[in-house]
N, C-alpha and C. Protein backbone atom coordinates (compact mmCIF):
# COMPACT_ATOMS: atom_id res chain seq x y z
N UNK A 1 23.66 -6.18 12.23
CA UNK A 1 23.30 -6.74 13.52
C UNK A 1 24.32 -7.78 13.94
N UNK A 2 24.61 -7.84 15.23
CA UNK A 2 25.50 -8.86 15.76
C UNK A 2 24.84 -9.54 16.95
N UNK A 3 25.20 -10.81 17.19
CA UNK A 3 24.72 -11.54 18.35
C UNK A 3 25.86 -11.65 19.34
N UNK A 4 25.68 -11.12 20.53
CA UNK A 4 26.74 -11.04 21.52
C UNK A 4 26.38 -11.91 22.71
N UNK A 5 27.26 -12.84 23.04
CA UNK A 5 27.02 -13.71 24.19
C UNK A 5 27.60 -13.06 25.43
N UNK A 6 26.75 -12.82 26.41
CA UNK A 6 27.17 -12.17 27.64
C UNK A 6 27.46 -13.23 28.69
N UNK A 7 28.68 -13.27 29.24
CA UNK A 7 28.98 -14.23 30.31
C UNK A 7 28.03 -14.03 31.48
N UNK A 8 27.48 -15.12 31.96
CA UNK A 8 26.51 -15.01 33.05
C UNK A 8 27.19 -14.70 34.37
N UNK A 9 26.62 -13.75 35.09
CA UNK A 9 27.09 -13.41 36.43
C UNK A 9 25.87 -13.29 37.34
N UNK A 10 25.83 -14.03 38.45
CA UNK A 10 24.69 -13.92 39.36
C UNK A 10 24.50 -12.48 39.82
N UNK A 11 23.24 -12.03 39.94
CA UNK A 11 22.94 -10.65 40.30
C UNK A 11 22.05 -10.61 41.53
N UNK A 12 22.35 -9.66 42.40
CA UNK A 12 21.55 -9.50 43.61
C UNK A 12 20.24 -8.79 43.30
N UNK A 13 20.25 -7.90 42.30
CA UNK A 13 19.07 -7.12 41.95
C UNK A 13 18.35 -7.81 40.80
N UNK A 14 17.05 -8.01 40.93
CA UNK A 14 16.28 -8.70 39.90
C UNK A 14 16.40 -8.02 38.54
N UNK A 15 16.77 -8.79 37.52
CA UNK A 15 16.79 -8.26 36.17
C UNK A 15 17.84 -7.20 35.94
N UNK A 16 18.88 -7.16 36.77
CA UNK A 16 19.89 -6.11 36.66
C UNK A 16 20.64 -6.19 35.34
N UNK A 17 21.01 -5.04 34.81
CA UNK A 17 21.81 -4.97 33.60
C UNK A 17 23.22 -5.46 33.90
N UNK A 18 23.73 -6.35 33.04
CA UNK A 18 25.08 -6.86 33.23
C UNK A 18 26.10 -5.73 33.06
N UNK A 19 27.10 -5.69 33.91
CA UNK A 19 28.08 -4.60 33.87
C UNK A 19 28.91 -4.63 32.59
N UNK A 20 29.09 -5.81 31.99
CA UNK A 20 29.81 -5.89 30.72
C UNK A 20 29.02 -5.22 29.61
N UNK A 21 27.71 -5.42 29.62
CA UNK A 21 26.85 -4.76 28.64
C UNK A 21 26.92 -3.25 28.81
N UNK A 22 26.82 -2.79 30.05
CA UNK A 22 26.88 -1.35 30.33
C UNK A 22 28.21 -0.77 29.85
N UNK A 23 29.30 -1.46 30.16
CA UNK A 23 30.63 -0.98 29.75
C UNK A 23 30.73 -0.87 28.23
N UNK A 24 30.29 -1.89 27.52
CA UNK A 24 30.41 -1.89 26.06
C UNK A 24 29.59 -0.77 25.43
N UNK A 25 28.41 -0.53 25.96
CA UNK A 25 27.57 0.55 25.42
C UNK A 25 28.21 1.91 25.68
N UNK A 26 28.69 2.12 26.88
CA UNK A 26 29.33 3.40 27.21
C UNK A 26 30.58 3.62 26.38
N UNK A 27 31.36 2.57 26.21
CA UNK A 27 32.61 2.68 25.46
C UNK A 27 32.36 2.96 23.98
N UNK A 28 31.27 2.42 23.44
CA UNK A 28 30.99 2.56 22.01
C UNK A 28 30.32 3.88 21.66
N UNK A 29 29.43 4.37 22.52
CA UNK A 29 28.60 5.50 22.13
C UNK A 29 28.86 6.80 22.90
N UNK A 30 29.69 6.76 23.92
CA UNK A 30 29.90 7.96 24.73
C UNK A 30 31.39 8.21 24.96
N UNK A 31 31.69 9.42 25.44
CA UNK A 31 33.07 9.84 25.69
C UNK A 31 33.20 10.38 27.12
N UNK A 32 34.42 10.41 27.64
CA UNK A 32 34.62 11.03 28.96
C UNK A 32 34.06 12.45 28.99
N UNK A 33 33.38 12.78 30.06
CA UNK A 33 32.76 14.09 30.19
C UNK A 33 31.31 14.13 29.76
N UNK A 34 30.84 13.10 29.07
CA UNK A 34 29.45 13.07 28.64
C UNK A 34 28.50 12.89 29.83
N UNK A 35 27.30 13.43 29.67
CA UNK A 35 26.24 13.29 30.67
C UNK A 35 25.21 12.29 30.14
N UNK A 36 24.89 11.31 30.98
CA UNK A 36 24.00 10.22 30.58
C UNK A 36 22.87 10.12 31.59
N UNK A 37 21.70 9.75 31.12
CA UNK A 37 20.56 9.52 32.01
C UNK A 37 20.16 8.06 31.97
N UNK A 38 19.97 7.49 33.15
CA UNK A 38 19.41 6.14 33.28
C UNK A 38 18.13 6.28 34.10
N UNK A 39 16.96 6.39 33.44
CA UNK A 39 15.71 6.69 34.15
C UNK A 39 15.10 5.52 34.91
N UNK A 40 15.59 4.32 34.67
CA UNK A 40 15.14 3.13 35.40
C UNK A 40 16.38 2.36 35.82
N UNK A 41 17.10 2.92 36.78
CA UNK A 41 18.49 2.53 37.03
C UNK A 41 18.66 1.21 37.76
N UNK A 42 17.66 0.79 38.53
CA UNK A 42 17.80 -0.48 39.24
C UNK A 42 18.98 -0.48 40.19
N UNK A 43 19.96 -1.32 39.90
CA UNK A 43 21.16 -1.43 40.75
C UNK A 43 22.24 -0.42 40.36
N UNK A 44 21.91 0.52 39.47
CA UNK A 44 22.81 1.61 39.07
C UNK A 44 24.08 1.10 38.38
N UNK A 45 23.93 0.05 37.59
CA UNK A 45 25.08 -0.50 36.87
C UNK A 45 25.68 0.51 35.91
N UNK A 46 24.82 1.22 35.18
CA UNK A 46 25.32 2.20 34.21
C UNK A 46 26.09 3.31 34.92
N UNK A 47 25.55 3.80 36.02
CA UNK A 47 26.21 4.87 36.78
C UNK A 47 27.58 4.42 37.28
N UNK A 48 27.66 3.22 37.80
CA UNK A 48 28.92 2.71 38.35
C UNK A 48 29.98 2.56 37.26
N UNK A 49 29.59 2.06 36.10
CA UNK A 49 30.55 1.90 35.01
C UNK A 49 30.92 3.25 34.40
N UNK A 50 29.94 4.15 34.30
CA UNK A 50 30.21 5.48 33.74
C UNK A 50 31.21 6.24 34.59
N UNK A 51 31.09 6.13 35.90
CA UNK A 51 32.02 6.82 36.80
C UNK A 51 33.46 6.36 36.58
N UNK A 52 33.64 5.08 36.34
CA UNK A 52 34.98 4.54 36.08
C UNK A 52 35.57 5.09 34.79
N UNK A 53 34.70 5.48 33.86
CA UNK A 53 35.13 5.91 32.53
C UNK A 53 35.13 7.42 32.37
N UNK A 54 34.97 8.15 33.47
CA UNK A 54 35.02 9.60 33.41
C UNK A 54 33.76 10.25 32.87
N UNK A 55 32.64 9.55 32.96
CA UNK A 55 31.36 10.09 32.52
C UNK A 55 30.46 10.33 33.73
N UNK A 56 29.44 11.14 33.54
CA UNK A 56 28.49 11.42 34.62
C UNK A 56 27.14 10.83 34.25
N UNK A 57 26.61 9.99 35.11
CA UNK A 57 25.31 9.37 34.86
C UNK A 57 24.33 9.77 35.95
N UNK A 58 23.19 10.29 35.54
CA UNK A 58 22.09 10.59 36.46
C UNK A 58 21.18 9.37 36.54
N UNK A 59 21.07 8.80 37.73
CA UNK A 59 20.27 7.59 37.92
C UNK A 59 18.95 7.91 38.60
N UNK A 60 17.91 7.21 38.17
CA UNK A 60 16.59 7.35 38.80
C UNK A 60 15.92 5.99 38.86
N UNK A 61 15.21 5.74 39.96
CA UNK A 61 14.41 4.53 40.05
C UNK A 61 13.41 4.70 41.20
N UNK A 62 12.29 4.01 41.09
CA UNK A 62 11.29 4.05 42.16
C UNK A 62 11.73 3.25 43.37
N UNK A 63 12.72 2.34 43.16
CA UNK A 63 13.21 1.50 44.24
C UNK A 63 14.69 1.74 44.49
N UNK A 64 15.11 1.57 45.72
CA UNK A 64 16.53 1.56 46.04
C UNK A 64 17.12 0.20 45.65
N UNK A 65 18.44 0.09 45.74
CA UNK A 65 19.10 -1.15 45.35
C UNK A 65 18.65 -2.33 46.19
N UNK A 66 18.24 -2.08 47.44
CA UNK A 66 17.80 -3.17 48.31
C UNK A 66 16.32 -3.51 48.12
N UNK A 67 15.67 -2.84 47.16
CA UNK A 67 14.27 -3.11 46.88
C UNK A 67 13.28 -2.27 47.66
N UNK A 68 13.77 -1.43 48.57
CA UNK A 68 12.88 -0.56 49.34
C UNK A 68 12.47 0.65 48.50
N UNK A 69 11.33 1.28 48.81
CA UNK A 69 10.89 2.45 48.04
C UNK A 69 11.90 3.59 48.11
N UNK A 70 12.08 4.25 46.99
CA UNK A 70 12.98 5.40 46.92
C UNK A 70 12.14 6.68 46.89
N UNK A 71 12.09 7.43 47.98
CA UNK A 71 11.23 8.62 48.03
C UNK A 71 11.66 9.72 47.07
N UNK A 72 12.90 9.67 46.61
CA UNK A 72 13.40 10.69 45.69
C UNK A 72 13.21 10.29 44.22
N UNK A 73 12.78 9.06 44.00
CA UNK A 73 12.62 8.59 42.62
C UNK A 73 11.38 9.18 41.96
N UNK A 74 11.48 9.52 40.69
CA UNK A 74 10.34 10.03 39.95
C UNK A 74 9.84 8.97 38.97
N UNK A 75 8.56 9.08 38.64
CA UNK A 75 7.89 8.10 37.80
C UNK A 75 8.29 8.33 36.34
N UNK A 76 9.01 7.38 35.77
CA UNK A 76 9.51 7.53 34.40
C UNK A 76 8.40 7.51 33.36
N UNK A 77 7.18 7.18 33.77
CA UNK A 77 6.05 7.20 32.84
C UNK A 77 5.55 8.62 32.60
N UNK A 78 5.92 9.54 33.50
CA UNK A 78 5.45 10.92 33.40
C UNK A 78 6.50 11.81 32.75
N UNK A 79 6.21 13.10 32.71
CA UNK A 79 7.17 14.08 32.18
C UNK A 79 8.44 14.06 33.03
N UNK A 80 9.59 13.90 32.40
CA UNK A 80 10.84 13.80 33.14
C UNK A 80 11.31 15.18 33.62
N UNK A 81 11.82 15.29 34.84
CA UNK A 81 12.24 16.58 35.39
C UNK A 81 13.60 17.03 34.89
N UNK A 82 13.76 17.02 33.57
CA UNK A 82 15.00 17.48 32.94
C UNK A 82 14.65 18.47 31.85
N UNK A 83 15.59 19.34 31.55
CA UNK A 83 15.40 20.32 30.49
C UNK A 83 15.62 19.66 29.12
N UNK A 84 15.14 20.32 28.09
CA UNK A 84 15.41 19.86 26.73
C UNK A 84 16.92 19.86 26.47
N UNK A 85 17.39 18.86 25.75
CA UNK A 85 18.81 18.79 25.33
C UNK A 85 19.78 18.83 26.51
N UNK A 86 19.42 18.20 27.63
CA UNK A 86 20.25 18.29 28.83
C UNK A 86 21.34 17.22 28.89
N UNK A 87 21.15 16.10 28.20
CA UNK A 87 22.12 15.01 28.30
C UNK A 87 22.62 14.60 26.92
N UNK A 88 23.74 13.88 26.92
CA UNK A 88 24.30 13.36 25.67
C UNK A 88 23.61 12.08 25.23
N UNK A 89 22.93 11.44 26.16
CA UNK A 89 22.23 10.21 25.78
C UNK A 89 21.48 9.61 26.94
N UNK A 90 20.60 8.68 26.61
CA UNK A 90 19.77 7.98 27.59
C UNK A 90 19.90 6.48 27.36
N UNK A 91 20.06 5.74 28.44
CA UNK A 91 20.07 4.28 28.36
C UNK A 91 18.88 3.76 29.15
N UNK A 92 17.98 3.07 28.46
CA UNK A 92 16.78 2.53 29.10
C UNK A 92 16.85 1.01 29.13
N UNK A 93 16.77 0.47 30.32
CA UNK A 93 16.69 -0.99 30.51
C UNK A 93 15.48 -1.26 31.40
N UNK A 94 14.28 -1.21 30.82
CA UNK A 94 13.07 -1.30 31.63
C UNK A 94 12.82 -2.72 32.13
N UNK A 95 11.97 -2.86 33.14
CA UNK A 95 11.57 -4.19 33.60
C UNK A 95 10.95 -4.99 32.45
N UNK A 96 11.20 -6.27 32.43
CA UNK A 96 10.65 -7.13 31.40
C UNK A 96 9.15 -7.31 31.60
N UNK A 97 8.45 -7.47 30.50
CA UNK A 97 7.00 -7.62 30.57
C UNK A 97 6.62 -8.97 31.16
N UNK A 98 6.01 -8.95 32.34
CA UNK A 98 5.45 -10.12 33.02
C UNK A 98 6.44 -11.28 33.15
N UNK A 99 7.72 -10.97 33.30
CA UNK A 99 8.72 -12.03 33.46
C UNK A 99 9.16 -12.15 34.91
N UNK A 100 9.10 -11.04 35.65
CA UNK A 100 9.52 -11.04 37.05
C UNK A 100 8.60 -10.13 37.86
N UNK A 101 8.50 -10.41 39.13
CA UNK A 101 7.76 -9.53 40.04
C UNK A 101 8.78 -8.63 40.71
N UNK A 102 8.95 -7.43 40.16
CA UNK A 102 9.97 -6.52 40.67
C UNK A 102 9.54 -5.90 42.00
N UNK A 103 8.28 -5.52 42.09
CA UNK A 103 7.78 -4.89 43.31
C UNK A 103 6.25 -4.92 43.29
N UNK A 104 5.66 -4.48 44.38
CA UNK A 104 4.21 -4.39 44.47
C UNK A 104 3.72 -3.01 44.04
N UNK A 105 4.62 -2.11 43.73
CA UNK A 105 4.27 -0.74 43.34
C UNK A 105 3.51 -0.77 42.02
N UNK A 106 2.29 -0.27 42.03
CA UNK A 106 1.46 -0.29 40.83
C UNK A 106 2.02 0.57 39.71
N UNK A 107 2.95 1.47 40.05
CA UNK A 107 3.57 2.30 39.02
C UNK A 107 4.65 1.55 38.25
N UNK A 108 5.04 0.39 38.74
CA UNK A 108 6.11 -0.35 38.11
C UNK A 108 5.77 -0.79 36.70
N UNK A 109 6.69 -0.57 35.76
CA UNK A 109 6.46 -0.92 34.36
C UNK A 109 6.20 -2.42 34.21
N UNK A 110 6.92 -3.22 35.00
CA UNK A 110 6.77 -4.66 34.89
C UNK A 110 5.43 -5.17 35.37
N UNK A 111 4.66 -4.33 36.05
CA UNK A 111 3.35 -4.74 36.57
C UNK A 111 2.20 -4.41 35.63
N UNK A 112 2.51 -3.81 34.49
CA UNK A 112 1.46 -3.50 33.51
C UNK A 112 0.86 -4.80 32.98
N UNK A 113 -0.46 -4.89 32.94
CA UNK A 113 -1.13 -6.13 32.55
C UNK A 113 -1.19 -6.33 31.05
N UNK A 114 -1.43 -5.28 30.29
CA UNK A 114 -1.61 -5.39 28.85
C UNK A 114 -0.29 -5.16 28.12
N UNK A 115 0.04 -6.04 27.18
CA UNK A 115 1.27 -5.86 26.42
C UNK A 115 1.17 -4.61 25.54
N UNK A 116 -0.04 -4.29 25.09
CA UNK A 116 -0.22 -3.08 24.28
C UNK A 116 0.10 -1.84 25.11
N UNK A 117 -0.39 -1.81 26.36
CA UNK A 117 -0.10 -0.68 27.24
C UNK A 117 1.39 -0.60 27.56
N UNK A 118 2.02 -1.75 27.73
CA UNK A 118 3.46 -1.81 28.00
C UNK A 118 4.24 -1.18 26.84
N UNK A 119 3.89 -1.53 25.61
CA UNK A 119 4.57 -0.98 24.43
C UNK A 119 4.36 0.52 24.33
N UNK A 120 3.13 0.97 24.50
CA UNK A 120 2.84 2.40 24.40
C UNK A 120 3.55 3.18 25.50
N UNK A 121 3.58 2.63 26.72
CA UNK A 121 4.26 3.29 27.84
C UNK A 121 5.74 3.47 27.55
N UNK A 122 6.39 2.43 27.07
CA UNK A 122 7.82 2.54 26.75
C UNK A 122 8.06 3.49 25.59
N UNK A 123 7.14 3.50 24.64
CA UNK A 123 7.29 4.42 23.51
C UNK A 123 7.21 5.87 23.96
N UNK A 124 6.31 6.15 24.89
CA UNK A 124 6.23 7.51 25.44
C UNK A 124 7.52 7.88 26.18
N UNK A 125 8.12 6.91 26.85
CA UNK A 125 9.40 7.16 27.50
C UNK A 125 10.49 7.47 26.48
N UNK A 126 10.44 6.78 25.36
CA UNK A 126 11.41 7.05 24.30
C UNK A 126 11.25 8.47 23.75
N UNK A 127 10.02 8.94 23.72
CA UNK A 127 9.78 10.31 23.28
C UNK A 127 10.38 11.30 24.27
N UNK A 128 10.24 11.04 25.57
CA UNK A 128 10.86 11.88 26.58
C UNK A 128 12.38 11.80 26.48
N UNK A 129 12.89 10.60 26.21
CA UNK A 129 14.34 10.43 26.07
C UNK A 129 14.87 11.29 24.93
N UNK A 130 14.14 11.34 23.85
CA UNK A 130 14.56 12.18 22.73
C UNK A 130 14.56 13.65 23.13
N UNK A 131 13.54 14.06 23.87
CA UNK A 131 13.44 15.47 24.26
C UNK A 131 14.64 15.93 25.08
N UNK A 132 15.08 15.10 26.01
CA UNK A 132 16.15 15.53 26.92
C UNK A 132 17.55 15.30 26.34
N UNK A 133 17.64 14.65 25.18
CA UNK A 133 18.93 14.34 24.57
C UNK A 133 19.29 15.36 23.51
N UNK A 134 20.56 15.71 23.45
CA UNK A 134 21.03 16.69 22.47
C UNK A 134 20.91 16.14 21.06
N UNK A 135 20.76 17.00 20.05
CA UNK A 135 20.79 16.52 18.67
C UNK A 135 22.08 15.76 18.39
N UNK A 136 21.95 14.62 17.75
CA UNK A 136 23.11 13.78 17.49
C UNK A 136 23.41 12.80 18.60
N UNK A 137 22.72 12.94 19.74
CA UNK A 137 22.94 12.05 20.87
C UNK A 137 22.25 10.71 20.70
N UNK A 138 22.50 9.81 21.65
CA UNK A 138 22.00 8.43 21.57
C UNK A 138 20.85 8.18 22.54
N UNK A 139 19.90 7.41 22.09
CA UNK A 139 18.87 6.84 22.96
C UNK A 139 18.96 5.33 22.78
N UNK A 140 19.32 4.63 23.84
CA UNK A 140 19.55 3.19 23.77
C UNK A 140 18.48 2.46 24.57
N UNK A 141 17.85 1.49 23.94
CA UNK A 141 16.81 0.70 24.59
C UNK A 141 17.21 -0.77 24.60
N UNK A 142 17.24 -1.36 25.80
CA UNK A 142 17.51 -2.79 25.95
C UNK A 142 16.21 -3.44 26.39
N UNK A 143 15.68 -4.31 25.56
CA UNK A 143 14.33 -4.81 25.79
C UNK A 143 14.24 -6.29 25.41
N UNK A 144 13.37 -7.01 26.09
CA UNK A 144 13.12 -8.41 25.74
C UNK A 144 11.75 -8.57 25.13
N UNK A 145 11.58 -9.56 24.28
CA UNK A 145 10.27 -9.88 23.73
C UNK A 145 9.50 -10.75 24.72
N UNK A 146 8.26 -11.06 24.37
CA UNK A 146 7.40 -11.81 25.28
C UNK A 146 6.94 -13.10 24.63
N UNK A 147 7.08 -14.18 25.39
CA UNK A 147 6.59 -15.47 24.90
C UNK A 147 5.93 -16.23 26.05
N UNK A 148 4.75 -16.75 25.77
CA UNK A 148 4.07 -17.61 26.73
C UNK A 148 3.26 -18.64 25.95
N UNK A 149 3.62 -19.90 26.13
CA UNK A 149 3.00 -20.99 25.38
C UNK A 149 3.18 -20.73 23.88
N UNK A 150 2.09 -20.63 23.15
CA UNK A 150 2.20 -20.40 21.70
C UNK A 150 2.13 -18.93 21.33
N UNK A 151 2.05 -18.05 22.34
CA UNK A 151 1.93 -16.62 22.08
C UNK A 151 3.31 -15.97 22.08
N UNK A 152 3.61 -15.23 21.02
CA UNK A 152 4.89 -14.53 20.92
C UNK A 152 4.64 -13.11 20.47
N UNK A 153 5.11 -12.14 21.24
CA UNK A 153 4.98 -10.73 20.86
C UNK A 153 6.37 -10.14 20.70
N UNK A 154 6.64 -9.64 19.51
CA UNK A 154 7.93 -9.02 19.22
C UNK A 154 7.89 -7.57 19.71
N UNK A 155 8.03 -7.41 20.99
CA UNK A 155 7.91 -6.09 21.61
C UNK A 155 8.91 -5.11 21.03
N UNK A 156 10.13 -5.55 20.80
CA UNK A 156 11.17 -4.64 20.28
C UNK A 156 10.77 -4.10 18.92
N UNK A 157 10.15 -4.93 18.07
CA UNK A 157 9.77 -4.50 16.73
C UNK A 157 8.62 -3.50 16.78
N UNK A 158 7.69 -3.71 17.70
CA UNK A 158 6.57 -2.79 17.84
C UNK A 158 7.05 -1.42 18.29
N UNK A 159 7.95 -1.39 19.25
CA UNK A 159 8.50 -0.11 19.72
C UNK A 159 9.30 0.56 18.62
N UNK A 160 10.08 -0.23 17.88
CA UNK A 160 10.85 0.33 16.76
C UNK A 160 9.94 1.05 15.77
N UNK A 161 8.83 0.42 15.42
CA UNK A 161 7.93 1.03 14.44
C UNK A 161 7.35 2.34 14.96
N UNK A 162 7.03 2.37 16.26
CA UNK A 162 6.49 3.60 16.84
C UNK A 162 7.51 4.73 16.84
N UNK A 163 8.71 4.46 17.34
CA UNK A 163 9.65 5.56 17.61
C UNK A 163 10.34 6.09 16.36
N UNK A 164 10.30 5.34 15.26
CA UNK A 164 10.93 5.83 14.03
C UNK A 164 9.94 6.56 13.14
N UNK A 165 8.68 6.61 13.53
CA UNK A 165 7.68 7.32 12.75
C UNK A 165 7.72 8.81 13.06
N UNK A 166 7.47 9.60 12.05
CA UNK A 166 7.40 11.05 12.24
C UNK A 166 6.00 11.47 12.66
N UNK A 167 5.00 10.84 12.08
CA UNK A 167 3.62 11.19 12.42
C UNK A 167 2.94 9.92 12.94
N UNK A 168 2.69 9.89 14.22
CA UNK A 168 2.07 8.72 14.85
C UNK A 168 0.80 9.16 15.56
N UNK A 169 -0.31 8.57 15.21
CA UNK A 169 -1.59 9.00 15.75
C UNK A 169 -1.75 8.66 17.24
N UNK A 170 -1.00 7.68 17.73
CA UNK A 170 -1.12 7.26 19.12
C UNK A 170 -0.19 8.05 20.03
N UNK A 171 1.07 8.16 19.64
CA UNK A 171 2.11 8.74 20.49
C UNK A 171 2.41 10.19 20.13
N UNK A 172 2.22 10.54 18.86
CA UNK A 172 2.66 11.85 18.40
C UNK A 172 3.99 11.72 17.67
N UNK A 173 4.59 12.84 17.36
CA UNK A 173 5.84 12.84 16.60
C UNK A 173 7.01 12.37 17.45
N UNK A 174 7.81 11.45 16.91
CA UNK A 174 9.03 11.02 17.59
C UNK A 174 10.19 11.12 16.60
N UNK A 175 10.23 10.25 15.60
CA UNK A 175 11.21 10.39 14.53
C UNK A 175 12.65 10.12 14.92
N UNK A 176 12.90 9.14 15.80
CA UNK A 176 14.27 8.73 16.08
C UNK A 176 14.82 7.93 14.91
N UNK A 177 16.14 7.90 14.77
CA UNK A 177 16.78 7.19 13.67
C UNK A 177 17.55 6.00 14.20
N UNK A 178 17.21 4.81 13.74
CA UNK A 178 17.90 3.60 14.20
C UNK A 178 19.32 3.57 13.64
N UNK A 179 20.29 3.43 14.53
CA UNK A 179 21.69 3.34 14.12
C UNK A 179 22.21 1.91 14.15
N UNK A 180 21.81 1.17 15.17
CA UNK A 180 22.34 -0.18 15.31
C UNK A 180 21.45 -1.00 16.23
N UNK A 181 21.45 -2.32 16.03
CA UNK A 181 20.79 -3.18 17.00
C UNK A 181 21.55 -4.50 17.13
N UNK A 182 21.61 -4.97 18.36
CA UNK A 182 22.32 -6.20 18.68
C UNK A 182 21.40 -7.12 19.47
N UNK A 183 21.77 -8.39 19.50
CA UNK A 183 21.10 -9.37 20.35
C UNK A 183 22.05 -9.76 21.46
N UNK A 184 21.61 -9.56 22.69
CA UNK A 184 22.42 -10.00 23.83
C UNK A 184 21.90 -11.36 24.27
N UNK A 185 22.76 -12.36 24.21
CA UNK A 185 22.33 -13.74 24.44
C UNK A 185 22.33 -14.08 25.93
N UNK A 186 21.29 -13.60 26.61
CA UNK A 186 21.08 -13.95 28.01
C UNK A 186 19.61 -13.72 28.33
N UNK A 187 19.02 -14.57 29.11
CA UNK A 187 17.58 -14.48 29.35
C UNK A 187 17.27 -13.70 30.61
N UNK A 188 16.05 -13.23 30.70
CA UNK A 188 15.62 -12.44 31.86
C UNK A 188 15.49 -13.29 33.11
N UNK A 189 15.45 -14.60 32.95
CA UNK A 189 15.31 -15.46 34.11
C UNK A 189 16.62 -15.59 34.87
N UNK A 190 17.70 -15.04 34.31
CA UNK A 190 18.98 -15.05 35.00
C UNK A 190 19.84 -16.25 34.67
N UNK A 191 19.47 -17.02 33.66
CA UNK A 191 20.26 -18.17 33.27
C UNK A 191 21.13 -17.84 32.07
N UNK A 192 22.29 -18.49 31.92
CA UNK A 192 23.22 -18.11 30.87
C UNK A 192 22.91 -18.66 29.50
N UNK A 193 21.93 -19.55 29.37
CA UNK A 193 21.66 -20.17 28.09
C UNK A 193 20.21 -19.93 27.67
N UNK A 194 20.00 -19.93 26.37
CA UNK A 194 18.66 -19.71 25.84
C UNK A 194 17.87 -21.01 25.90
N UNK A 195 16.63 -20.93 26.31
CA UNK A 195 15.77 -22.10 26.37
C UNK A 195 14.37 -21.70 25.94
N UNK A 196 13.69 -22.58 25.24
CA UNK A 196 12.33 -22.27 24.81
C UNK A 196 11.37 -22.19 26.00
N UNK A 197 11.82 -22.60 27.17
CA UNK A 197 10.97 -22.51 28.36
C UNK A 197 10.95 -21.10 28.93
N UNK A 198 11.90 -20.28 28.52
CA UNK A 198 12.00 -18.94 29.09
C UNK A 198 11.10 -17.97 28.34
N UNK A 199 10.40 -17.13 29.08
CA UNK A 199 9.51 -16.16 28.46
C UNK A 199 10.31 -15.12 27.68
N UNK A 200 11.46 -14.73 28.21
CA UNK A 200 12.31 -13.78 27.51
C UNK A 200 13.43 -14.56 26.86
N UNK A 201 13.50 -14.53 25.55
CA UNK A 201 14.48 -15.33 24.84
C UNK A 201 15.80 -14.59 24.66
N UNK A 202 15.72 -13.34 24.28
CA UNK A 202 16.91 -12.55 23.99
C UNK A 202 16.68 -11.11 24.41
N UNK A 203 17.75 -10.42 24.68
CA UNK A 203 17.68 -8.97 24.90
C UNK A 203 18.04 -8.26 23.61
N UNK A 204 17.14 -7.45 23.13
CA UNK A 204 17.42 -6.62 21.96
C UNK A 204 18.00 -5.30 22.46
N UNK A 205 19.12 -4.92 21.92
CA UNK A 205 19.74 -3.64 22.26
C UNK A 205 19.68 -2.75 21.03
N UNK A 206 18.77 -1.79 21.04
CA UNK A 206 18.58 -0.91 19.89
C UNK A 206 19.12 0.49 20.20
N UNK A 207 19.97 0.97 19.34
CA UNK A 207 20.55 2.30 19.50
C UNK A 207 19.97 3.24 18.47
N UNK A 208 19.36 4.32 18.94
CA UNK A 208 18.77 5.33 18.07
C UNK A 208 19.55 6.63 18.20
N UNK A 209 19.57 7.40 17.13
CA UNK A 209 20.16 8.74 17.15
C UNK A 209 19.05 9.78 17.10
N UNK A 210 19.26 10.84 17.87
CA UNK A 210 18.38 12.00 17.77
C UNK A 210 18.83 12.79 16.55
N UNK A 211 17.93 13.10 15.62
CA UNK A 211 18.32 13.83 14.42
C UNK A 211 19.07 15.12 14.75
N UNK A 212 20.03 15.47 13.93
CA UNK A 212 20.83 16.67 14.18
C UNK A 212 19.97 17.92 14.23
N UNK A 213 18.94 17.94 13.41
CA UNK A 213 18.02 19.09 13.42
C UNK A 213 16.69 18.63 14.00
N UNK A 214 16.42 19.02 15.24
CA UNK A 214 15.13 18.70 15.86
C UNK A 214 14.08 19.68 15.35
N UNK A 215 13.08 19.15 14.65
CA UNK A 215 12.01 20.01 14.21
C UNK A 215 11.17 20.43 15.41
N UNK A 216 10.64 21.61 15.36
CA UNK A 216 9.87 22.13 16.49
C UNK A 216 8.70 21.22 16.84
N UNK A 217 8.12 20.56 15.83
CA UNK A 217 6.96 19.70 16.08
C UNK A 217 7.33 18.47 16.87
N UNK A 218 8.64 18.11 16.89
CA UNK A 218 9.05 16.91 17.59
C UNK A 218 9.19 17.13 19.08
N UNK A 219 9.32 18.36 19.52
CA UNK A 219 9.67 18.63 20.92
C UNK A 219 8.44 18.58 21.81
């Protein structure tokens, strides 16, 4: 594990992924010509950086960059409209749990009230990400934990336990393999320094590999 300090850059889109983070992930895990999916694209940072690097990124979001509803966007909580093994990898940077008001849309991940439901919802998305990714491909999740007063929920650890299990009574078979995880030192509140006042302390960047041999039960 490494701790990476991301230079702060003001963002027009709430909770947008920093372009330096997107560049480093693309440079490390993908190659020119690769197809990538960003199912919660927000300001389309991954797509913009991927295009510069000769990669193709399919972006999806319920909102346009200006915050208006996107009629072409599909709900990432449901079955994704992609074929099995269609992309080389998926990068997920979901809305933070109860840290920002992204929109009034009840389908928004950030509007989920229960942290348990938030974890299960993201885990189901990880299962879909595995389905659409080729064997040996990457599924990358950038996620923040939750803190309020004396309550601390290690959301990243809970999702990790779910997605690396082969037999899970709640979600079903997933069986992703953890390859690497980093800490990105920037908070969801948009400030460049860590403070105990912030609900989101760090961004966990977890990279999983889809096993080379996908068992039929996993699909």
